[in-house]
Amino acid sequence: MDTHLHHDHIENHMNSSEMLRDIVIGMSDGLTVPFALAAGLSGAVHDSSIIVIAGIAEIAAGSIAMGLGGYLAGKTEQDHYASEVKREYDEIENLRHREIEETKEFFASIGLSKEIQDKATEEISRDKDRWVDFMMKYELGLEKPDPKRATKSAMNIGLSYIAGGIIPLSPYFFIKNSFEALQYSVIATLICLFLFGFFKSKMTGINPWKGALRVMLIGALAAGAAFGVAKLIG
């Protein structure tokens, strides 16, 4: 088997999974938070223009905050990997006998004979870089992160948040009466939440219908609570 093609396949699969995770994080909050905000304001003010201004401000702040969170998470992953690589090099240099035993233990765990364990360990320990890569992957279970991962994650989450947030806010752009706009916002957002929950659940192996209903109900409860509190205070 061509190992280069195999590596590319794994890398592409990982990148796709990470992008999907970012989109789910950004879209789920983007649909829910501005929806709840718009619903809450609709219970207190009648002019849609006020809700549009507040909604745009929230989407801008939310997308930046969520994107920054994704960026910091990506940087933390990179820093953690770099720290573990440094530690592995130190252990190979100063605790070589222990690293050799740990390498043999791994080969033993996959059923290799004592003779093959010794030969495989001897072969892999000749190259420090290859040995460290091996220990990072098989001892610690860590894959080398994409150096651009933090930036990509920030962009994916931030843009997904904006895309999600525009949906509940869009009726307020065209309808001056906030309560009337809210009715269209509820219909559009709940449909999107249902579809979002359905496909997210399907991809994660959960019952898609239950997942869709759960996501939709969470959004509806958040918006209903915000609207009720605003009405009560008003």
C-alpha atoms as a PDB file:
ATOM      1  CA  MET A   1       0.000   0.000   0.000  1.00  0.00           C
ATOM      2  CA  ASP A   2       1.305   3.495  -0.845  1.00  0.00           C
ATOM      3  CA  THR A   3       2.017   4.994   2.590  1.00  0.00           C
ATOM      4  CA  HIS A   4       2.021   8.507   1.170  1.00  0.00           C
ATOM      5  CA  LEU A   5      -1.508   8.073  -0.148  1.00  0.00           C
ATOM      6  CA  HIS A   6      -2.539   6.470   3.136  1.00  0.00           C
ATOM      7  CA  HIS A   7      -1.093   9.419   5.072  1.00  0.00           C
ATOM      8  CA  ASP A   8      -2.881  11.889   2.801  1.00  0.00           C
ATOM      9  CA  HIS A   9      -6.142  10.002   3.285  1.00  0.00           C
ATOM     10  CA  ILE A  10      -5.815  10.144   7.091  1.00  0.00           C
ATOM     11  CA  GLU A  11      -4.785  13.801   7.019  1.00  0.00           C
ATOM     12  CA  ASN A  12      -7.689  14.776   4.746  1.00  0.00           C
ATOM     13  CA  HIS A  13     -10.094  12.802   6.934  1.00  0.00           C
ATOM     14  CA  MET A  14      -8.813  14.550  10.062  1.00  0.00           C
ATOM     15  CA  ASN A  15      -9.015  17.982   8.443  1.00  0.00           C
ATOM     16  CA  SER A  16     -12.584  17.314   7.314  1.00  0.00           C
ATOM     17  CA  SER A  17     -13.569  16.136  10.806  1.00  0.00           C
ATOM     18  CA  GLU A  18     -12.005  19.193  12.429  1.00  0.00           C
ATOM     19  CA  MET A  19     -13.720  21.552   9.990  1.00  0.00           C
ATOM     20  CA  LEU A  20     -17.046  19.823  10.584  1.00  0.00           C
ATOM     21  CA  ARG A  21     -16.585  20.141  14.339  1.00  0.00           C
ATOM     22  CA  ASP A  22     -15.827  23.861  13.995  1.00  0.00           C
ATOM     23  CA  ILE A  23     -18.901  24.431  11.837  1.00  0.00           C
ATOM     24  CA  VAL A  24     -21.111  22.578  14.320  1.00  0.00           C
ATOM     25  CA  ILE A  25     -19.770  24.662  17.228  1.00  0.00           C
ATOM     26  CA  GLY A  26     -20.187  27.968  15.412  1.00  0.00           C
ATOM     27  CA  MET A  27     -23.522  27.219  13.758  1.00  0.00           C
ATOM     28  CA  SER A  28     -25.222  25.830  16.866  1.00  0.00           C
ATOM     29  CA  ASP A  29     -24.428  28.920  18.956  1.00  0.00           C
ATOM     30  CA  GLY A  30     -25.004  31.237  15.992  1.00  0.00           C
ATOM     31  CA  LEU A  31     -28.534  29.955  15.526  1.00  0.00           C
ATOM     32  CA  THR A  32     -29.436  29.870  19.211  1.00  0.00           C
ATOM     33  CA  VAL A  33     -27.961  32.967  20.865  1.00  0.00           C
ATOM     34  CA  PRO A  34     -29.067  35.678  18.382  1.00  0.00           C
ATOM     35  CA  PHE A  35     -32.440  33.917  18.158  1.00  0.00           C
ATOM     36  CA  ALA A  36     -32.915  34.180  21.920  1.00  0.00           C
ATOM     37  CA  LEU A  37     -31.704  37.786  21.919  1.00  0.00           C
ATOM     38  CA  ALA A  38     -34.069  38.824  19.108  1.00  0.00           C
ATOM     39  CA  ALA A  39     -36.976  37.025  20.766  1.00  0.00           C
ATOM     40  CA  GLY A  40     -36.245  38.668  24.092  1.00  0.00           C
ATOM     41  CA  LEU A  41     -36.022  42.150  22.589  1.00  0.00           C
ATOM     42  CA  SER A  42     -39.239  41.523  20.648  1.00  0.00           C
ATOM     43  CA  GLY A  43     -40.991  41.187  23.969  1.00  0.00           C
ATOM     44  CA  ALA A  44     -39.757  44.616  25.058  1.00  0.00           C
ATOM     45  CA  VAL A  45     -39.593  46.850  21.963  1.00  0.00           C
ATOM     46  CA  HIS A  46     -41.777  47.224  18.895  1.00  0.00           C
ATOM     47  CA  ASP A  47     -39.297  48.756  16.465  1.00  0.00           C
ATOM     48  CA  SER A  48     -37.404  46.112  14.491  1.00  0.00           C
ATOM     49  CA  SER A  49     -34.541  48.518  13.736  1.00  0.00           C
ATOM     50  CA  ILE A  50     -33.461  48.419  17.392  1.00  0.00           C
ATOM     51  CA  ILE A  51     -33.390  44.621  17.283  1.00  0.00           C
ATOM     52  CA  VAL A  52     -31.398  44.675  14.041  1.00  0.00           C
ATOM     53  CA  ILE A  53     -28.756  46.952  15.585  1.00  0.00           C
ATOM     54  CA  ALA A  54     -28.558  44.879  18.764  1.00  0.00           C
ATOM     55  CA  GLY A  55     -28.541  41.639  16.773  1.00  0.00           C
ATOM     56  CA  ILE A  56     -25.729  42.733  14.472  1.00  0.00           C
ATOM     57  CA  ALA A  57     -23.700  43.883  17.479  1.00  0.00           C
ATOM     58  CA  GLU A  58     -24.248  40.519  19.164  1.00  0.00           C
ATOM     59  CA  ILE A  59     -23.330  38.556  16.034  1.00  0.00           C
ATOM     60  CA  ALA A  60     -20.142  40.615  15.642  1.00  0.00           C
ATOM     61  CA  ALA A  61     -19.169  40.167  19.296  1.00  0.00           C
ATOM     62  CA  GLY A  62     -20.221  36.510  19.391  1.00  0.00           C
ATOM     63  CA  SER A  63     -18.355  35.551  16.225  1.00  0.00           C
ATOM     64  CA  ILE A  64     -15.174  37.243  17.465  1.00  0.00           C
ATOM     65  CA  ALA A  65     -15.453  35.621  20.896  1.00  0.00           C
ATOM     66  CA  MET A  66     -16.195  32.176  19.462  1.00  0.00           C
ATOM     67  CA  GLY A  67     -13.458  32.533  16.850  1.00  0.00           C
ATOM     68  CA  LEU A  68     -10.963  33.594  19.499  1.00  0.00           C
ATOM     69  CA  GLY A  69     -11.945  30.577  21.575  1.00  0.00           C
ATOM     70  CA  GLY A  70     -11.280  28.310  18.589  1.00  0.00           C
ATOM     71  CA  TYR A  71      -7.937  30.010  17.964  1.00  0.00           C
ATOM     72  CA  LEU A  72      -6.819  29.608  21.574  1.00  0.00           C
ATOM     73  CA  ALA A  73      -7.895  25.957  21.572  1.00  0.00           C
ATOM     74  CA  GLY A  74      -5.836  25.350  18.417  1.00  0.00           C
ATOM     75  CA  LYS A  75      -2.791  27.126  19.880  1.00  0.00           C
ATOM     76  CA  THR A  76      -3.113  25.146  23.104  1.00  0.00           C
ATOM     77  CA  GLU A  77      -3.121  21.910  21.106  1.00  0.00           C
ATOM     78  CA  GLN A  78       0.034  22.990  19.245  1.00  0.00           C
ATOM     79  CA  ASP A  79       1.791  24.075  22.441  1.00  0.00           C
ATOM     80  CA  HIS A  80       0.882  20.808  24.162  1.00  0.00           C
ATOM     81  CA  TYR A  81       2.232  18.778  21.239  1.00  0.00           C
ATOM     82  CA  ALA A  82       5.484  20.791  21.158  1.00  0.00           C
ATOM     83  CA  SER A  83       5.893  20.316  24.912  1.00  0.00           C
ATOM     84  CA  GLU A  84       5.421  16.551  24.638  1.00  0.00           C
ATOM     85  CA  VAL A  85       7.881  16.344  21.716  1.00  0.00           C
ATOM     86  CA  LYS A  86      10.512  18.144  23.813  1.00  0.00           C
ATOM     87  CA  ARG A  87       9.866  15.790  26.714  1.00  0.00           C
ATOM     88  CA  GLU A  88      10.220  12.727  24.467  1.00  0.00           C
ATOM     89  CA  TYR A  89      13.564  13.977  23.119  1.00  0.00           C
ATOM     90  CA  ASP A  90      14.776  14.562  26.676  1.00  0.00           C
ATOM     91  CA  GLU A  91      13.721  11.068  27.729  1.00  0.00           C
ATOM     92  CA  ILE A  92      15.382   9.449  24.707  1.00  0.00           C
ATOM     93  CA  GLU A  93      18.570  11.359  25.529  1.00  0.00           C
ATOM     94  CA  ASN A  94      18.597  10.860  29.310  1.00  0.00           C
ATOM     95  CA  LEU A  95      16.328   7.867  29.975  1.00  0.00           C
ATOM     96  CA  ARG A  96      17.046   5.782  26.899  1.00  0.00           C
ATOM     97  CA  HIS A  97      16.707   2.440  28.687  1.00  0.00           C
ATOM     98  CA  ARG A  98      13.192   3.324  29.859  1.00  0.00           C
ATOM     99  CA  GLU A  99      12.118   4.464  26.392  1.00  0.00           C
ATOM    100  CA  ILE A 100      13.453   1.214  24.932  1.00  0.00           C
ATOM    101  CA  GLU A 101      11.375  -0.753  27.425  1.00  0.00           C
ATOM    102  CA  GLU A 102       8.271   1.306  26.617  1.00  0.00           C
ATOM    103  CA  THR A 103       8.810   0.718  22.899  1.00  0.00           C
ATOM    104  CA  LYS A 104       9.141  -3.027  23.475  1.00  0.00           C
ATOM    105  CA  GLU A 105       5.993  -2.966  25.599  1.00  0.00           C
ATOM    106  CA  PHE A 106       4.068  -1.441  22.715  1.00  0.00           C
ATOM    107  CA  PHE A 107       5.280  -4.112  20.284  1.00  0.00           C
ATOM    108  CA  ALA A 108       4.410  -6.777  22.867  1.00  0.00           C
ATOM    109  CA  SER A 109       0.909  -5.319  23.204  1.00  0.00           C
ATOM    110  CA  ILE A 110       0.237  -5.895  19.494  1.00  0.00           C
ATOM    111  CA  GLY A 111       1.350  -9.532  19.738  1.00  0.00           C
ATOM    112  CA  LEU A 112       4.912  -9.493  18.375  1.00  0.00           C
ATOM    113  CA  SER A 113       7.336 -12.160  19.589  1.00  0.00           C
ATOM    114  CA  LYS A 114      10.259 -11.270  21.886  1.00  0.00           C
ATOM    115  CA  GLU A 115      12.710 -11.609  19.028  1.00  0.00           C
ATOM    116  CA  ILE A 116      10.713  -9.290  16.748  1.00  0.00           C
ATOM    117  CA  GLN A 117      10.215  -6.819  19.606  1.00  0.00           C
ATOM    118  CA  ASP A 118      13.969  -6.540  20.078  1.00  0.00           C
ATOM    119  CA  LYS A 119      14.662  -6.194  16.357  1.00  0.00           C
ATOM    120  CA  ALA A 120      11.902  -3.638  15.775  1.00  0.00           C
ATOM    121  CA  THR A 121      12.995  -1.584  18.800  1.00  0.00           C
ATOM    122  CA  GLU A 122      16.614  -1.678  17.709  1.00  0.00           C
ATOM    123  CA  GLU A 123      15.652  -0.578  14.205  1.00  0.00           C
ATOM    124  CA  ILE A 124      13.374   2.295  15.219  1.00  0.00           C
ATOM    125  CA  SER A 125      15.712   3.607  17.938  1.00  0.00           C
ATOM    126  CA  ARG A 126      18.506   4.258  15.416  1.00  0.00           C
ATOM    127  CA  ASP A 127      16.798   7.463  14.248  1.00  0.00           C
ATOM    128  CA  LYS A 128      15.837   9.854  17.062  1.00  0.00           C
ATOM    129  CA  ASP A 129      13.339  11.816  14.996  1.00  0.00           C
ATOM    130  CA  ARG A 130      11.566   8.711  13.772  1.00  0.00           C
ATOM    131  CA  TRP A 131      11.610   7.268  17.277  1.00  0.00           C
ATOM    132  CA  VAL A 132      10.074  10.409  18.775  1.00  0.00           C
ATOM    133  CA  ASP A 133       7.376  10.454  16.072  1.00  0.00           C
ATOM    134  CA  PHE A 134       6.632   6.814  16.837  1.00  0.00           C
ATOM    135  CA  MET A 135       6.352   7.412  20.594  1.00  0.00           C
ATOM    136  CA  MET A 136       4.191  10.501  20.114  1.00  0.00           C
ATOM    137  CA  LYS A 137       1.737   8.581  17.978  1.00  0.00           C
ATOM    138  CA  TYR A 138       1.660   5.166  19.650  1.00  0.00           C
ATOM    139  CA  GLU A 139       2.630   5.842  23.262  1.00  0.00           C
ATOM    140  CA  LEU A 140       0.839   9.164  23.761  1.00  0.00           C
ATOM    141  CA  GLY A 141      -1.760   8.869  20.996  1.00  0.00           C
ATOM    142  CA  LEU A 142      -0.982  12.352  19.673  1.00  0.00           C
ATOM    143  CA  GLU A 143      -1.019  13.353  16.004  1.00  0.00           C
ATOM    144  CA  LYS A 144       1.040  16.319  14.888  1.00  0.00           C
ATOM    145  CA  PRO A 145      -1.410  19.255  14.639  1.00  0.00           C
ATOM    146  CA  ASP A 146      -1.713  21.350  11.520  1.00  0.00           C
ATOM    147  CA  PRO A 147       0.348  24.532  12.141  1.00  0.00           C
ATOM    148  CA  LYS A 148      -2.477  26.536  10.534  1.00  0.00           C
ATOM    149  CA  ARG A 149      -5.135  24.787  12.613  1.00  0.00           C
ATOM    150  CA  ALA A 150      -5.656  27.649  15.085  1.00  0.00           C
ATOM    151  CA  THR A 151      -6.286  30.216  12.345  1.00  0.00           C
ATOM    152  CA  LYS A 152      -8.502  27.847  10.354  1.00  0.00           C
ATOM    153  CA  SER A 153     -10.530  27.002  13.445  1.00  0.00           C
ATOM    154  CA  ALA A 154     -11.054  30.669  14.285  1.00  0.00           C
ATOM    155  CA  MET A 155     -12.251  31.403  10.749  1.00  0.00           C
ATOM    156  CA  ASN A 156     -14.501  28.332  10.537  1.00  0.00           C
ATOM    157  CA  ILE A 157     -16.188  28.958  13.889  1.00  0.00           C
ATOM    158  CA  GLY A 158     -16.506  32.723  13.416  1.00  0.00           C
ATOM    159  CA  LEU A 159     -17.988  32.512   9.927  1.00  0.00           C
ATOM    160  CA  SER A 160     -20.339  29.678  10.945  1.00  0.00           C
ATOM    161  CA  TYR A 161     -21.552  31.788  13.861  1.00  0.00           C
ATOM    162  CA  ILE A 162     -22.288  34.699  11.500  1.00  0.00           C
ATOM    163  CA  ALA A 163     -24.083  32.410   9.031  1.00  0.00           C
ATOM    164  CA  GLY A 164     -26.207  30.949  11.819  1.00  0.00           C
ATOM    165  CA  GLY A 165     -26.928  34.324  13.429  1.00  0.00           C
ATOM    166  CA  ILE A 166     -28.189  35.965  10.246  1.00  0.00           C
ATOM    167  CA  ILE A 167     -31.057  33.456   9.951  1.00  0.00           C
ATOM    168  CA  PRO A 168     -33.109  34.485  13.044  1.00  0.00           C
ATOM    169  CA  LEU A 169     -32.271  38.137  12.474  1.00  0.00           C
ATOM    170  CA  SER A 170     -33.172  38.325   8.764  1.00  0.00           C
ATOM    171  CA  PRO A 171     -36.972  38.915   9.127  1.00  0.00           C
ATOM    172  CA  TYR A 172     -36.263  42.027  11.202  1.00  0.00           C
ATOM    173  CA  PHE A 173     -34.513  43.596   8.210  1.00  0.00           C
ATOM    174  CA  PHE A 174     -37.758  43.587   6.213  1.00  0.00           C
ATOM    175  CA  ILE A 175     -40.584  43.807   8.767  1.00  0.00           C
ATOM    176  CA  LYS A 176     -40.841  46.938  10.909  1.00  0.00           C
ATOM    177  CA  ASN A 177     -43.091  45.489  13.615  1.00  0.00           C
ATOM    178  CA  SER A 178     -40.889  43.370  15.864  1.00  0.00           C
ATOM    179  CA  PHE A 179     -43.618  40.971  17.007  1.00  0.00           C
ATOM    180  CA  GLU A 180     -44.609  40.197  13.427  1.00  0.00           C
ATOM    181  CA  ALA A 181     -40.955  39.740  12.479  1.00  0.00           C
ATOM    182  CA  LEU A 182     -40.523  37.420  15.456  1.00  0.00           C
ATOM    183  CA  GLN A 183     -43.167  35.053  14.075  1.00  0.00           C
ATOM    184  CA  TYR A 184     -41.249  34.635  10.814  1.00  0.00           C
ATOM    185  CA  SER A 185     -37.988  34.411  12.744  1.00  0.00           C
ATOM    186  CA  VAL A 186     -39.368  31.577  14.877  1.00  0.00           C
ATOM    187  CA  ILE A 187     -40.505  29.589  11.835  1.00  0.00           C
ATOM    188  CA  ALA A 188     -37.253  30.072   9.908  1.00  0.00           C
ATOM    189  CA  THR A 189     -34.990  29.413  12.896  1.00  0.00           C
ATOM    190  CA  LEU A 190     -36.812  26.335  14.170  1.00  0.00           C
ATOM    191  CA  ILE A 191     -36.734  24.801  10.679  1.00  0.00           C
ATOM    192  CA  CYS A 192     -32.986  25.498  10.447  1.00  0.00           C
ATOM    193  CA  LEU A 193     -32.385  24.147  13.963  1.00  0.00           C
ATOM    194  CA  PHE A 194     -34.306  20.999  13.086  1.00  0.00           C
ATOM    195  CA  LEU A 195     -32.333  20.467   9.862  1.00  0.00           C
ATOM    196  CA  PHE A 196     -29.054  21.309  11.591  1.00  0.00           C
ATOM    197  CA  GLY A 197     -29.798  18.903  14.443  1.00  0.00           C
ATOM    198  CA  PHE A 198     -30.853  16.182  11.996  1.00  0.00           C
ATOM    199  CA  PHE A 199     -27.652  16.255   9.937  1.00  0.00           C
ATOM    200  CA  LYS A 200     -25.413  16.738  12.977  1.00  0.00           C
ATOM    201  CA  SER A 201     -26.970  13.722  14.697  1.00  0.00           C
ATOM    202  CA  LYS A 202     -26.778  11.631  11.535  1.00  0.00           C
ATOM    203  CA  MET A 203     -23.052  12.322  11.194  1.00  0.00           C
ATOM    204  CA  THR A 204     -22.365  11.534  14.848  1.00  0.00           C
ATOM    205  CA  GLY A 205     -24.343   8.294  14.861  1.00  0.00           C
ATOM    206  CA  ILE A 206     -27.213   9.505  17.053  1.00  0.00           C
ATOM    207  CA  ASN A 207     -30.854   8.951  16.085  1.00  0.00           C
ATOM    208  CA  PRO A 208     -31.321  11.907  13.679  1.00  0.00           C
ATOM    209  CA  TRP A 209     -34.978  12.505  14.501  1.00  0.00           C
ATOM    210  CA  LYS A 210     -34.398  12.611  18.236  1.00  0.00           C
ATOM    211  CA  GLY A 211     -31.306  14.763  17.754  1.00  0.00           C
ATOM    212  CA  ALA A 212     -33.179  17.177  15.499  1.00  0.00           C
ATOM    213  CA  LEU A 213     -36.062  17.542  17.944  1.00  0.00           C
ATOM    214  CA  ARG A 214     -33.673  18.038  20.861  1.00  0.00           C
ATOM    215  CA  VAL A 215     -31.731  20.808  19.115  1.00  0.00           C
ATOM    216  CA  MET A 216     -34.943  22.494  17.981  1.00  0.00           C
ATOM    217  CA  LEU A 217     -36.488  22.335  21.464  1.00  0.00           C
ATOM    218  CA  ILE A 218     -33.375  23.794  23.104  1.00  0.00           C
ATOM    219  CA  GLY A 219     -33.478  26.752  20.723  1.00  0.00           C
ATOM    220  CA  ALA A 220     -37.222  27.199  21.236  1.00  0.00           C
ATOM    221  CA  LEU A 221     -36.892  27.086  25.036  1.00  0.00           C
ATOM    222  CA  ALA A 222     -34.048  29.624  25.019  1.00  0.00           C
ATOM    223  CA  ALA A 223     -36.024  32.031  22.818  1.00  0.00           C
ATOM    224  CA  GLY A 224     -39.245  31.479  24.782  1.00  0.00           C
ATOM    225  CA  ALA A 225     -37.512  32.126  28.091  1.00  0.00           C
ATOM    226  CA  ALA A 226     -35.899  35.323  26.788  1.00  0.00           C
ATOM    227  CA  PHE A 227     -39.221  36.562  25.367  1.00  0.00           C
ATOM    228  CA  GLY A 228     -41.066  35.756  28.604  1.00  0.00           C
ATOM    229  CA  VAL A 229     -38.511  37.497  30.827  1.00  0.00           C
ATOM    230  CA  ALA A 230     -38.550  40.601  28.599  1.00  0.00           C
ATOM    231  CA  LYS A 231     -42.376  40.704  28.673  1.00  0.00           C
ATOM    232  CA  LEU A 232     -42.389  40.242  32.449  1.00  0.00           C
ATOM    233  CA  ILE A 233     -39.875  43.026  33.042  1.00  0.00           C
ATOM    234  CA  GLY A 234     -41.610  45.277  30.495  1.00  0.00           C
END
